[in-house]
PDB file of N, CA and C in Angstrom:
ATOM      1  N   MET A   1     -21.464  -8.631   9.359  1.00  0.00           N
ATOM      2  CA  MET A   1     -20.494  -7.561   9.236  1.00  0.00           C
ATOM      3  C   MET A   1     -21.081  -6.088   8.466  1.00  0.00           C
ATOM      4  N   THR A   2     -20.660  -4.951   9.231  1.00  0.00           N
ATOM      5  CA  THR A   2     -21.267  -3.723   8.619  1.00  0.00           C
ATOM      6  C   THR A   2     -20.147  -3.400   7.554  1.00  0.00           C
ATOM      7  N   SER A   3     -20.777  -2.610   6.794  1.00  0.00           N
ATOM      8  CA  SER A   3     -19.813  -1.728   5.719  1.00  0.00           C
ATOM      9  C   SER A   3     -18.575  -0.856   6.188  1.00  0.00           C
ATOM     10  N   ASP A   4     -18.890  -0.578   7.449  1.00  0.00           N
ATOM     11  CA  ASP A   4     -18.179   0.783   8.071  1.00  0.00           C
ATOM     12  C   ASP A   4     -16.750  -0.085   8.743  1.00  0.00           C
ATOM     13  N   ALA A   5     -16.780  -1.353   8.643  1.00  0.00           N
ATOM     14  CA  ALA A   5     -15.461  -1.875   8.991  1.00  0.00           C
ATOM     15  C   ALA A   5     -14.522  -1.992   7.937  1.00  0.00           C
ATOM     16  N   ILE A   6     -14.676  -1.633   6.275  1.00  0.00           N
ATOM     17  CA  ILE A   6     -14.005  -1.691   5.445  1.00  0.00           C
ATOM     18  C   ILE A   6     -13.510  -0.327   5.201  1.00  0.00           C
ATOM     19  N   PRO A   7     -12.259  -0.275   5.487  1.00  0.00           N
ATOM     20  CA  PRO A   7     -11.650   1.596   4.988  1.00  0.00           C
ATOM     21  C   PRO A   7     -11.628   1.691   3.425  1.00  0.00           C
ATOM     22  N   THR A   8     -12.040   2.979   3.358  1.00  0.00           N
ATOM     23  CA  THR A   8     -12.021   3.423   2.175  1.00  0.00           C
ATOM     24  C   THR A   8     -11.066   4.214   1.395  1.00  0.00           C
ATOM     25  N   ASP A   9     -10.506   3.769   0.145  1.00  0.00           N
ATOM     26  CA  ASP A   9      -9.189   4.370  -0.178  1.00  0.00           C
ATOM     27  C   ASP A   9      -9.725   5.761  -0.822  1.00  0.00           C
ATOM     28  N   PRO A  10      -8.831   7.175  -0.384  1.00  0.00           N
ATOM     29  CA  PRO A  10      -9.318   8.156  -1.055  1.00  0.00           C
ATOM     30  C   PRO A  10      -9.557   8.353  -2.747  1.00  0.00           C
ATOM     31  N   VAL A  11      -8.632   7.009  -3.211  1.00  0.00           N
ATOM     32  CA  VAL A  11      -8.787   7.066  -4.933  1.00  0.00           C
ATOM     33  C   VAL A  11     -10.415   6.336  -5.100  1.00  0.00           C
ATOM     34  N   ASP A  12     -10.960   5.854  -4.099  1.00  0.00           N
ATOM     35  CA  ASP A  12     -12.513   5.130  -4.334  1.00  0.00           C
ATOM     36  C   ASP A  12     -13.311   5.915  -4.335  1.00  0.00           C
ATOM     37  N   GLU A  13     -13.048   7.577  -3.641  1.00  0.00           N
ATOM     38  CA  GLU A  13     -14.307   8.392  -3.284  1.00  0.00           C
ATOM     39  C   GLU A  13     -14.818   8.831  -4.475  1.00  0.00           C
ATOM     40  N   ILE A  14     -16.122   9.315  -4.441  1.00  0.00           N
ATOM     41  CA  ILE A  14     -16.984   9.644  -5.442  1.00  0.00           C
ATOM     42  C   ILE A  14     -16.446  11.572  -5.578  1.00  0.00           C
ATOM     43  N   LEU A  15     -16.352  11.996  -6.283  1.00  0.00           N
ATOM     44  CA  LEU A  15     -16.054  13.402  -6.502  1.00  0.00           C
ATOM     45  C   LEU A  15     -17.489  14.335  -6.351  1.00  0.00           C
ATOM     46  N   PRO A  16     -17.312  15.456  -6.182  1.00  0.00           N
ATOM     47  CA  PRO A  16     -18.551  16.282  -5.941  1.00  0.00           C
ATOM     48  C   PRO A  16     -18.890  16.390  -7.794  1.00  0.00           C
ATOM     49  N   LEU A  17     -20.252  16.727  -7.737  1.00  0.00           N
ATOM     50  CA  LEU A  17     -20.581  17.051  -9.615  1.00  0.00           C
ATOM     51  C   LEU A  17     -19.668  17.917 -10.093  1.00  0.00           C
ATOM     52  N   LYS A  18     -19.613  18.932  -9.631  1.00  0.00           N
ATOM     53  CA  LYS A  18     -18.796  20.094 -10.034  1.00  0.00           C
ATOM     54  C   LYS A  18     -17.645  19.730 -10.677  1.00  0.00           C
ATOM     55  N   SER A  19     -16.663  18.700  -9.781  1.00  0.00           N
ATOM     56  CA  SER A  19     -15.346  18.353 -10.375  1.00  0.00           C
ATOM     57  C   SER A  19     -15.680  17.261 -11.525  1.00  0.00           C
ATOM     58  N   LEU A  20     -16.828  16.698 -11.012  1.00  0.00           N
ATOM     59  CA  LEU A  20     -16.819  15.757 -12.312  1.00  0.00           C
ATOM     60  C   LEU A  20     -17.189  16.213 -13.559  1.00  0.00           C
ATOM     61  N   ILE A  21     -17.792  17.275 -13.740  1.00  0.00           N
ATOM     62  CA  ILE A  21     -18.048  18.206 -14.866  1.00  0.00           C
ATOM     63  C   ILE A  21     -16.847  18.603 -15.315  1.00  0.00           C
ATOM     64  N   LEU A  22     -16.109  19.209 -14.387  1.00  0.00           N
ATOM     65  CA  LEU A  22     -14.742  20.041 -15.230  1.00  0.00           C
ATOM     66  C   LEU A  22     -13.933  19.053 -15.315  1.00  0.00           C
ATOM     67  N   TYR A  23     -13.800  17.704 -14.856  1.00  0.00           N
ATOM     68  CA  TYR A  23     -12.774  17.053 -15.443  1.00  0.00           C
ATOM     69  C   TYR A  23     -13.152  16.339 -16.683  1.00  0.00           C
ATOM     70  N   GLY A  24     -14.598  15.984 -16.716  1.00  0.00           N
ATOM     71  CA  GLY A  24     -15.259  15.499 -18.076  1.00  0.00           C
ATOM     72  C   GLY A  24     -14.746  16.361 -19.087  1.00  0.00           C
ATOM     73  N   PHE A  25     -15.150  17.779 -18.843  1.00  0.00           N
ATOM     74  CA  PHE A  25     -14.855  18.830 -20.308  1.00  0.00           C
ATOM     75  C   PHE A  25     -13.592  18.325 -20.409  1.00  0.00           C
ATOM     76  N   GLN A  26     -12.505  18.637 -19.393  1.00  0.00           N
ATOM     77  CA  GLN A  26     -11.097  18.544 -19.755  1.00  0.00           C
ATOM     78  C   GLN A  26     -10.585  17.507 -20.471  1.00  0.00           C
ATOM     79  N   HIS A  27     -11.463  16.375 -20.118  1.00  0.00           N
ATOM     80  CA  HIS A  27     -11.222  14.875 -20.765  1.00  0.00           C
ATOM     81  C   HIS A  27     -11.708  14.964 -22.540  1.00  0.00           C
ATOM     82  N   VAL A  28     -12.586  15.873 -22.842  1.00  0.00           N
ATOM     83  CA  VAL A  28     -13.222  16.019 -23.906  1.00  0.00           C
ATOM     84  C   VAL A  28     -12.413  17.084 -24.980  1.00  0.00           C
ATOM     85  N   LEU A  29     -11.730  17.870 -24.388  1.00  0.00           N
ATOM     86  CA  LEU A  29     -11.197  18.701 -24.841  1.00  0.00           C
ATOM     87  C   LEU A  29      -9.691  18.184 -25.301  1.00  0.00           C
ATOM     88  N   VAL A  30      -9.086  17.177 -24.332  1.00  0.00           N
ATOM     89  CA  VAL A  30      -7.852  16.537 -24.764  1.00  0.00           C
ATOM     90  C   VAL A  30      -7.930  15.506 -25.974  1.00  0.00           C
ATOM     91  N   MET A  31      -9.117  14.919 -25.938  1.00  0.00           N
ATOM     92  CA  MET A  31      -9.602  13.695 -27.065  1.00  0.00           C
ATOM     93  C   MET A  31      -9.750  14.383 -28.030  1.00  0.00           C
ATOM     94  N   ALA A  32     -10.457  16.034 -28.293  1.00  0.00           N
ATOM     95  CA  ALA A  32     -10.347  16.276 -29.398  1.00  0.00           C
ATOM     96  C   ALA A  32      -9.087  17.181 -30.068  1.00  0.00           C
ATOM     97  N   ALA A  33      -8.104  17.746 -29.023  1.00  0.00           N
ATOM     98  CA  ALA A  33      -6.788  18.471 -29.356  1.00  0.00           C
ATOM     99  C   ALA A  33      -5.883  17.153 -29.905  1.00  0.00           C
ATOM    100  N   SER A  34      -5.902  16.145 -29.566  1.00  0.00           N
ATOM    101  CA  SER A  34      -4.937  15.148 -29.623  1.00  0.00           C
ATOM    102  C   SER A  34      -5.084  15.030 -31.602  1.00  0.00           C
ATOM    103  N   PRO A  35      -6.013  14.426 -31.897  1.00  0.00           N
ATOM    104  CA  PRO A  35      -5.771  14.299 -33.540  1.00  0.00           C
ATOM    105  C   PRO A  35      -5.630  15.415 -34.315  1.00  0.00           C
ATOM    106  N   ILE A  36      -6.200  16.724 -33.823  1.00  0.00           N
ATOM    107  CA  ILE A  36      -5.856  18.126 -34.581  1.00  0.00           C
ATOM    108  C   ILE A  36      -4.302  18.396 -34.350  1.00  0.00           C
ATOM    109  N   THR A  37      -3.626  18.341 -33.286  1.00  0.00           N
ATOM    110  CA  THR A  37      -2.193  18.623 -33.345  1.00  0.00           C
ATOM    111  C   THR A  37      -1.382  17.507 -33.998  1.00  0.00           C
ATOM    112  N   ALA A  38      -1.808  16.214 -34.276  1.00  0.00           N
ATOM    113  CA  ALA A  38      -1.183  15.231 -34.743  1.00  0.00           C
ATOM    114  C   ALA A  38      -1.063  15.956 -36.449  1.00  0.00           C
ATOM    115  N   VAL A  39      -2.272  15.874 -36.790  1.00  0.00           N
ATOM    116  CA  VAL A  39      -2.396  16.430 -38.018  1.00  0.00           C
ATOM    117  C   VAL A  39      -1.380  17.658 -38.683  1.00  0.00           C
ATOM    118  N   PHE A  40      -1.576  18.559 -37.622  1.00  0.00           N
ATOM    119  CA  PHE A  40      -0.439  19.915 -37.735  1.00  0.00           C
ATOM    120  C   PHE A  40       0.822  19.508 -37.646  1.00  0.00           C
ATOM    121  N   LEU A  41       1.215  18.585 -36.730  1.00  0.00           N
ATOM    122  CA  LEU A  41       2.591  18.314 -36.771  1.00  0.00           C
ATOM    123  C   LEU A  41       3.076  17.209 -37.862  1.00  0.00           C
ATOM    124  N   VAL A  42       2.204  16.609 -38.462  1.00  0.00           N
ATOM    125  CA  VAL A  42       2.562  15.943 -39.709  1.00  0.00           C
ATOM    126  C   VAL A  42       2.682  16.929 -41.059  1.00  0.00           C
ATOM    127  N   ALA A  43       1.911  17.676 -41.096  1.00  0.00           N
ATOM    128  CA  ALA A  43       1.913  18.662 -42.166  1.00  0.00           C
ATOM    129  C   ALA A  43       3.133  19.567 -42.273  1.00  0.00           C
ATOM    130  N   GLN A  44       3.412  19.945 -40.647  1.00  0.00           N
ATOM    131  CA  GLN A  44       4.610  20.695 -40.648  1.00  0.00           C
ATOM    132  C   GLN A  44       5.941  19.836 -40.995  1.00  0.00           C
ATOM    133  N   THR A  45       5.855  18.654 -40.528  1.00  0.00           N
ATOM    134  CA  THR A  45       7.049  17.799 -40.945  1.00  0.00           C
ATOM    135  C   THR A  45       7.298  17.291 -42.486  1.00  0.00           C
ATOM    136  N   THR A  46       6.319  17.212 -42.981  1.00  0.00           N
ATOM    137  CA  THR A  46       6.331  16.861 -44.715  1.00  0.00           C
ATOM    138  C   THR A  46       6.271  18.091 -45.610  1.00  0.00           C
ATOM    139  N   GLY A  47       6.166  19.367 -44.901  1.00  0.00           N
ATOM    140  CA  GLY A  47       5.907  20.601 -45.841  1.00  0.00           C
ATOM    141  C   GLY A  47       4.931  20.904 -46.524  1.00  0.00           C
ATOM    142  N   ILE A  48       3.833  20.492 -46.124  1.00  0.00           N
ATOM    143  CA  ILE A  48       2.687  20.401 -46.869  1.00  0.00           C
ATOM    144  C   ILE A  48       1.826  22.112 -46.557  1.00  0.00           C
TER     145      ILE A  48
END
């Protein structure tokens, strides 16, 4: 049996390198922004 017989779902396709880099950078920004935002929200709530 050949691998062509198995249909590929669009979710399983590999993105182009440009998109991978862009989405990776976006992921890093979100990971950095979440803890910083939490600190500001807690500080504002507690009145510090």
